[in-house]
Amino acid sequence: MKPEKEAYEFVVKAINADPDECVFIDDLEKNVKGAESLGIKGILYINPAGLERDLVKIGVAI
């Protein structure tokens, strides 16, 4: 279960991706940090405008 590293490893393996190809969005900082510990890009969700800004920052949205 989140924020355990094994939870993120399971999903990355299940979708056959590398952690650096993934983005994890959550409203709990501890869960975002858990994903980041595996090399997944993490975004702490606060509101829609902030999410859009952060996705643009990492090149996922324009």
PDB file of N, CA and C in Angstrom:
ATOM      1  N   MET A   1       0.838  -1.184   0.000  1.00  0.00           N
ATOM      2  CA  MET A   1       0.000   0.000   0.000  1.00  0.00           C
ATOM      3  C   MET A   1       0.882   1.247   0.000  1.00  0.00           C
ATOM      4  N   LYS A   2       0.337   2.316  -0.547  1.00  0.00           N
ATOM      5  CA  LYS A   2       1.051   3.581  -0.529  1.00  0.00           C
ATOM      6  C   LYS A   2       1.332   3.954   0.919  1.00  0.00           C
ATOM      7  N   PRO A   3       2.404   4.519   1.261  1.00  0.00           N
ATOM      8  CA  PRO A   3       3.523   4.987   0.453  1.00  0.00           C
ATOM      9  C   PRO A   3       4.683   3.989   0.366  1.00  0.00           C
ATOM     10  N   GLU A   4       4.419   2.718   0.611  1.00  0.00           N
ATOM     11  CA  GLU A   4       5.494   1.727   0.545  1.00  0.00           C
ATOM     12  C   GLU A   4       6.035   1.606  -0.873  1.00  0.00           C
ATOM     13  N   LYS A   5       7.348   1.547  -0.996  1.00  0.00           N
ATOM     14  CA  LYS A   5       8.018   1.498  -2.295  1.00  0.00           C
ATOM     15  C   LYS A   5       7.515   0.329  -3.141  1.00  0.00           C
ATOM     16  N   GLU A   6       7.198  -0.779  -2.517  1.00  0.00           N
ATOM     17  CA  GLU A   6       6.740  -1.960  -3.240  1.00  0.00           C
ATOM     18  C   GLU A   6       5.439  -1.715  -4.012  1.00  0.00           C
ATOM     19  N   ALA A   7       4.594  -0.851  -3.515  1.00  0.00           N
ATOM     20  CA  ALA A   7       3.339  -0.539  -4.211  1.00  0.00           C
ATOM     21  C   ALA A   7       3.620   0.117  -5.555  1.00  0.00           C
ATOM     22  N   TYR A   8       4.564   1.024  -5.575  1.00  0.00           N
ATOM     23  CA  TYR A   8       4.912   1.717  -6.821  1.00  0.00           C
ATOM     24  C   TYR A   8       5.672   0.783  -7.762  1.00  0.00           C
ATOM     25  N   GLU A   9       6.541  -0.058  -7.196  1.00  0.00           N
ATOM     26  CA  GLU A   9       7.268  -1.037  -8.009  1.00  0.00           C
ATOM     27  C   GLU A   9       6.297  -1.985  -8.703  1.00  0.00           C
ATOM     28  N   PHE A  10       5.263  -2.414  -7.992  1.00  0.00           N
ATOM     29  CA  PHE A  10       4.261  -3.314  -8.555  1.00  0.00           C
ATOM     30  C   PHE A  10       3.591  -2.692  -9.776  1.00  0.00           C
ATOM     31  N   VAL A  11       3.168  -1.440  -9.651  1.00  0.00           N
ATOM     32  CA  VAL A  11       2.470  -0.769 -10.747  1.00  0.00           C
ATOM     33  C   VAL A  11       3.404  -0.537 -11.935  1.00  0.00           C
ATOM     34  N   VAL A  12       4.605  -0.090 -11.667  1.00  0.00           N
ATOM     35  CA  VAL A  12       5.568   0.155 -12.755  1.00  0.00           C
ATOM     36  C   VAL A  12       5.826  -1.137 -13.521  1.00  0.00           C
ATOM     37  N   LYS A  13       5.986  -2.231 -12.793  1.00  0.00           N
ATOM     38  CA  LYS A  13       6.211  -3.524 -13.445  1.00  0.00           C
ATOM     39  C   LYS A  13       4.962  -3.969 -14.214  1.00  0.00           C
ATOM     40  N   ALA A  14       3.783  -3.773 -13.629  1.00  0.00           N
ATOM     41  CA  ALA A  14       2.530  -4.192 -14.260  1.00  0.00           C
ATOM     42  C   ALA A  14       2.273  -3.471 -15.578  1.00  0.00           C
ATOM     43  N   ILE A  15       2.706  -2.220 -15.671  1.00  0.00           N
ATOM     44  CA  ILE A  15       2.490  -1.473 -16.923  1.00  0.00           C
ATOM     45  C   ILE A  15       3.717  -1.515 -17.824  1.00  0.00           C
ATOM     46  N   ASN A  16       4.728  -2.276 -17.381  1.00  0.00           N
ATOM     47  CA  ASN A  16       5.946  -2.466 -18.180  1.00  0.00           C
ATOM     48  C   ASN A  16       6.595  -1.129 -18.552  1.00  0.00           C
ATOM     49  N   ALA A  17       6.829  -0.319 -17.529  1.00  0.00           N
ATOM     50  CA  ALA A  17       7.419   1.005 -17.742  1.00  0.00           C
ATOM     51  C   ALA A  17       8.634   1.179 -16.848  1.00  0.00           C
ATOM     52  N   ASP A  18       9.431   2.160 -17.166  1.00  0.00           N
ATOM     53  CA  ASP A  18      10.521   2.574 -16.292  1.00  0.00           C
ATOM     54  C   ASP A  18       9.985   3.663 -15.369  1.00  0.00           C
ATOM     55  N   PRO A  19      10.458   3.710 -14.121  1.00  0.00           N
ATOM     56  CA  PRO A  19       9.956   4.734 -13.199  1.00  0.00           C
ATOM     57  C   PRO A  19      10.080   6.161 -13.738  1.00  0.00           C
ATOM     58  N   ASP A  20      11.154   6.451 -14.465  1.00  0.00           N
ATOM     59  CA  ASP A  20      11.331   7.815 -14.966  1.00  0.00           C
ATOM     60  C   ASP A  20      10.372   8.159 -16.107  1.00  0.00           C
ATOM     61  N   GLU A  21       9.583   7.188 -16.567  1.00  0.00           N
ATOM     62  CA  GLU A  21       8.561   7.431 -17.585  1.00  0.00           C
ATOM     63  C   GLU A  21       7.194   7.700 -16.954  1.00  0.00           C
ATOM     64  N   CYS A  22       7.116   7.631 -15.635  1.00  0.00           N
ATOM     65  CA  CYS A  22       5.836   7.705 -14.930  1.00  0.00           C
ATOM     66  C   CYS A  22       5.690   9.012 -14.159  1.00  0.00           C
ATOM     67  N   VAL A  23       4.427   9.381 -13.947  1.00  0.00           N
ATOM     68  CA  VAL A  23       4.081  10.531 -13.122  1.00  0.00           C
ATOM     69  C   VAL A  23       3.046  10.059 -12.110  1.00  0.00           C
ATOM     70  N   PHE A  24       3.271  10.390 -10.848  1.00  0.00           N
ATOM     71  CA  PHE A  24       2.337  10.032  -9.784  1.00  0.00           C
ATOM     72  C   PHE A  24       1.789  11.321  -9.185  1.00  0.00           C
ATOM     73  N   ILE A  25       0.467  11.408  -9.081  1.00  0.00           N
ATOM     74  CA  ILE A  25      -0.205  12.594  -8.545  1.00  0.00           C
ATOM     75  C   ILE A  25      -1.035  12.155  -7.345  1.00  0.00           C
ATOM     76  N   ASP A  26      -0.870  12.863  -6.233  1.00  0.00           N
ATOM     77  CA  ASP A  26      -1.622  12.518  -5.025  1.00  0.00           C
ATOM     78  C   ASP A  26      -1.753  13.771  -4.167  1.00  0.00           C
ATOM     79  N   ASP A  27      -2.741  13.764  -3.289  1.00  0.00           N
ATOM     80  CA  ASP A  27      -2.924  14.919  -2.413  1.00  0.00           C
ATOM     81  C   ASP A  27      -2.240  14.738  -1.062  1.00  0.00           C
ATOM     82  N   LEU A  28      -1.525  13.624  -0.885  1.00  0.00           N
ATOM     83  CA  LEU A  28      -0.762  13.410   0.341  1.00  0.00           C
ATOM     84  C   LEU A  28       0.729  13.399   0.030  1.00  0.00           C
ATOM     85  N   GLU A  29       1.457  14.284   0.698  1.00  0.00           N
ATOM     86  CA  GLU A  29       2.886  14.423   0.430  1.00  0.00           C
ATOM     87  C   GLU A  29       3.644  13.116   0.662  1.00  0.00           C
ATOM     88  N   LYS A  30       3.264  12.345   1.687  1.00  0.00           N
ATOM     89  CA  LYS A  30       3.983  11.102   1.970  1.00  0.00           C
ATOM     90  C   LYS A  30       3.846  10.107   0.814  1.00  0.00           C
ATOM     91  N   ASN A  31       2.717  10.113   0.126  1.00  0.00           N
ATOM     92  CA  ASN A  31       2.538   9.219  -1.017  1.00  0.00           C
ATOM     93  C   ASN A  31       3.370   9.682  -2.207  1.00  0.00           C
ATOM     94  N   VAL A  32       3.437  10.978  -2.420  1.00  0.00           N
ATOM     95  CA  VAL A  32       4.258  11.526  -3.510  1.00  0.00           C
ATOM     96  C   VAL A  32       5.726  11.207  -3.241  1.00  0.00           C
ATOM     97  N   LYS A  33       6.165  11.387  -2.014  1.00  0.00           N
ATOM     98  CA  LYS A  33       7.559  11.085  -1.661  1.00  0.00           C
ATOM     99  C   LYS A  33       7.861   9.597  -1.867  1.00  0.00           C
ATOM    100  N   GLY A  34       6.909   8.733  -1.570  1.00  0.00           N
ATOM    101  CA  GLY A  34       7.088   7.305  -1.793  1.00  0.00           C
ATOM    102  C   GLY A  34       7.340   6.988  -3.261  1.00  0.00           C
ATOM    103  N   ALA A  35       6.575   7.604  -4.139  1.00  0.00           N
ATOM    104  CA  ALA A  35       6.763   7.411  -5.574  1.00  0.00           C
ATOM    105  C   ALA A  35       8.111   7.960  -6.022  1.00  0.00           C
ATOM    106  N   GLU A  36       8.453   9.125  -5.520  1.00  0.00           N
ATOM    107  CA  GLU A  36       9.720   9.751  -5.902  1.00  0.00           C
ATOM    108  C   GLU A  36      10.924   8.919  -5.446  1.00  0.00           C
ATOM    109  N   SER A  37      10.766   8.170  -4.373  1.00  0.00           N
ATOM    110  CA  SER A  37      11.875   7.341  -3.891  1.00  0.00           C
ATOM    111  C   SER A  37      12.244   6.244  -4.889  1.00  0.00           C
ATOM    112  N   LEU A  38      11.323   5.947  -5.798  1.00  0.00           N
ATOM    113  CA  LEU A  38      11.572   4.942  -6.830  1.00  0.00           C
ATOM    114  C   LEU A  38      12.031   5.582  -8.141  1.00  0.00           C
ATOM    115  N   GLY A  39      12.003   6.895  -8.204  1.00  0.00           N
ATOM    116  CA  GLY A  39      12.409   7.592  -9.423  1.00  0.00           C
ATOM    117  C   GLY A  39      11.241   8.055 -10.278  1.00  0.00           C
ATOM    118  N   ILE A  40      10.036   7.916  -9.742  1.00  0.00           N
ATOM    119  CA  ILE A  40       8.830   8.389 -10.432  1.00  0.00           C
ATOM    120  C   ILE A  40       8.699   9.885 -10.189  1.00  0.00           C
ATOM    121  N   LYS A  41       8.293  10.633 -11.223  1.00  0.00           N
ATOM    122  CA  LYS A  41       8.035  12.058 -11.037  1.00  0.00           C
ATOM    123  C   LYS A  41       6.777  12.202 -10.178  1.00  0.00           C
ATOM    124  N   GLY A  42       6.862  12.975  -9.130  1.00  0.00           N
ATOM    125  CA  GLY A  42       5.728  13.140  -8.233  1.00  0.00           C
ATOM    126  C   GLY A  42       5.188  14.554  -8.245  1.00  0.00           C
ATOM    127  N   ILE A  43       3.871  14.642  -8.158  1.00  0.00           N
ATOM    128  CA  ILE A  43       3.207  15.944  -8.079  1.00  0.00           C
ATOM    129  C   ILE A  43       2.247  15.905  -6.901  1.00  0.00           C
ATOM    130  N   LEU A  44       2.394  16.875  -6.020  1.00  0.00           N
ATOM    131  CA  LEU A  44       1.468  17.021  -4.899  1.00  0.00           C
ATOM    132  C   LEU A  44       0.272  17.830  -5.391  1.00  0.00           C
ATOM    133  N   TYR A  45      -0.903  17.203  -5.394  1.00  0.00           N
ATOM    134  CA  TYR A  45      -2.115  17.878  -5.865  1.00  0.00           C
ATOM    135  C   TYR A  45      -2.655  18.794  -4.783  1.00  0.00           C
ATOM    136  N   ILE A  46      -2.852  20.053  -5.162  1.00  0.00           N
ATOM    137  CA  ILE A  46      -3.472  21.027  -4.258  1.00  0.00           C
ATOM    138  C   ILE A  46      -4.755  21.566  -4.875  1.00  0.00           C
ATOM    139  N   ASN A  47      -4.672  21.901  -6.161  1.00  0.00           N
ATOM    140  CA  ASN A  47      -5.852  22.393  -6.869  1.00  0.00           C
ATOM    141  C   ASN A  47      -5.622  22.219  -8.370  1.00  0.00           C
ATOM    142  N   PRO A  48      -6.678  22.351  -9.191  1.00  0.00           N
ATOM    143  CA  PRO A  48      -6.531  22.126 -10.632  1.00  0.00           C
ATOM    144  C   PRO A  48      -5.489  23.039 -11.296  1.00  0.00           C
ATOM    145  N   ALA A  49      -5.452  24.302 -10.919  1.00  0.00           N
ATOM    146  CA  ALA A  49      -4.494  25.226 -11.533  1.00  0.00           C
ATOM    147  C   ALA A  49      -3.057  24.828 -11.206  1.00  0.00           C
ATOM    148  N   GLY A  50      -2.822  24.436  -9.970  1.00  0.00           N
ATOM    149  CA  GLY A  50      -1.486  23.999  -9.576  1.00  0.00           C
ATOM    150  C   GLY A  50      -1.075  22.728 -10.284  1.00  0.00           C
ATOM    151  N   LEU A  51      -2.020  21.802 -10.450  1.00  0.00           N
ATOM    152  CA  LEU A  51      -1.729  20.566 -11.167  1.00  0.00           C
ATOM    153  C   LEU A  51      -1.345  20.858 -12.607  1.00  0.00           C
ATOM    154  N   GLU A  52      -2.113  21.719 -13.254  1.00  0.00           N
ATOM    155  CA  GLU A  52      -1.794  22.080 -14.643  1.00  0.00           C
ATOM    156  C   GLU A  52      -0.406  22.709 -14.734  1.00  0.00           C
ATOM    157  N   ARG A  53      -0.094  23.610 -13.828  1.00  0.00           N
ATOM    158  CA  ARG A  53       1.219  24.258 -13.807  1.00  0.00           C
ATOM    159  C   ARG A  53       2.332  23.227 -13.644  1.00  0.00           C
ATOM    160  N   ASP A  54       2.145  22.298 -12.712  1.00  0.00           N
ATOM    161  CA  ASP A  54       3.174  21.292 -12.450  1.00  0.00           C
ATOM    162  C   ASP A  54       3.329  20.316 -13.620  1.00  0.00           C
ATOM    163  N   LEU A  55       2.231  19.976 -14.285  1.00  0.00           N
ATOM    164  CA  LEU A  55       2.327  19.095 -15.456  1.00  0.00           C
ATOM    165  C   LEU A  55       3.058  19.793 -16.599  1.00  0.00           C
ATOM    166  N   VAL A  56       2.821  21.068 -16.764  1.00  0.00           N
ATOM    167  CA  VAL A  56       3.538  21.839 -17.788  1.00  0.00           C
ATOM    168  C   VAL A  56       5.025  21.865 -17.445  1.00  0.00           C
ATOM    169  N   LYS A  57       5.352  22.060 -16.174  1.00  0.00           N
ATOM    170  CA  LYS A  57       6.737  22.119 -15.720  1.00  0.00           C
ATOM    171  C   LYS A  57       7.537  20.865 -16.091  1.00  0.00           C
ATOM    172  N   ILE A  58       6.878  19.705 -16.000  1.00  0.00           N
ATOM    173  CA  ILE A  58       7.597  18.469 -16.307  1.00  0.00           C
ATOM    174  C   ILE A  58       7.393  18.016 -17.744  1.00  0.00           C
ATOM    175  N   GLY A  59       6.708  18.848 -18.531  1.00  0.00           N
ATOM    176  CA  GLY A  59       6.585  18.568 -19.961  1.00  0.00           C
ATOM    177  C   GLY A  59       5.478  17.600 -20.344  1.00  0.00           C
ATOM    178  N   VAL A  60       4.526  17.367 -19.451  1.00  0.00           N
ATOM    179  CA  VAL A  60       3.435  16.439 -19.751  1.00  0.00           C
ATOM    180  C   VAL A  60       2.270  17.164 -20.420  1.00  0.00           C
ATOM    181  N   ALA A  61       2.070  18.420 -20.114  1.00  0.00           N
ATOM    182  CA  ALA A  61       0.959  19.197 -20.669  1.00  0.00           C
ATOM    183  C   ALA A  61       1.505  20.516 -21.218  1.00  0.00           C
ATOM    184  N   ILE A  62       0.745  21.071 -22.144  1.00  0.00           N
ATOM    185  CA  ILE A  62       1.115  22.391 -22.680  1.00  0.00           C
ATOM    186  C   ILE A  62      -0.028  23.362 -22.537  1.00  0.00           C
TER     187      ILE A  62
END
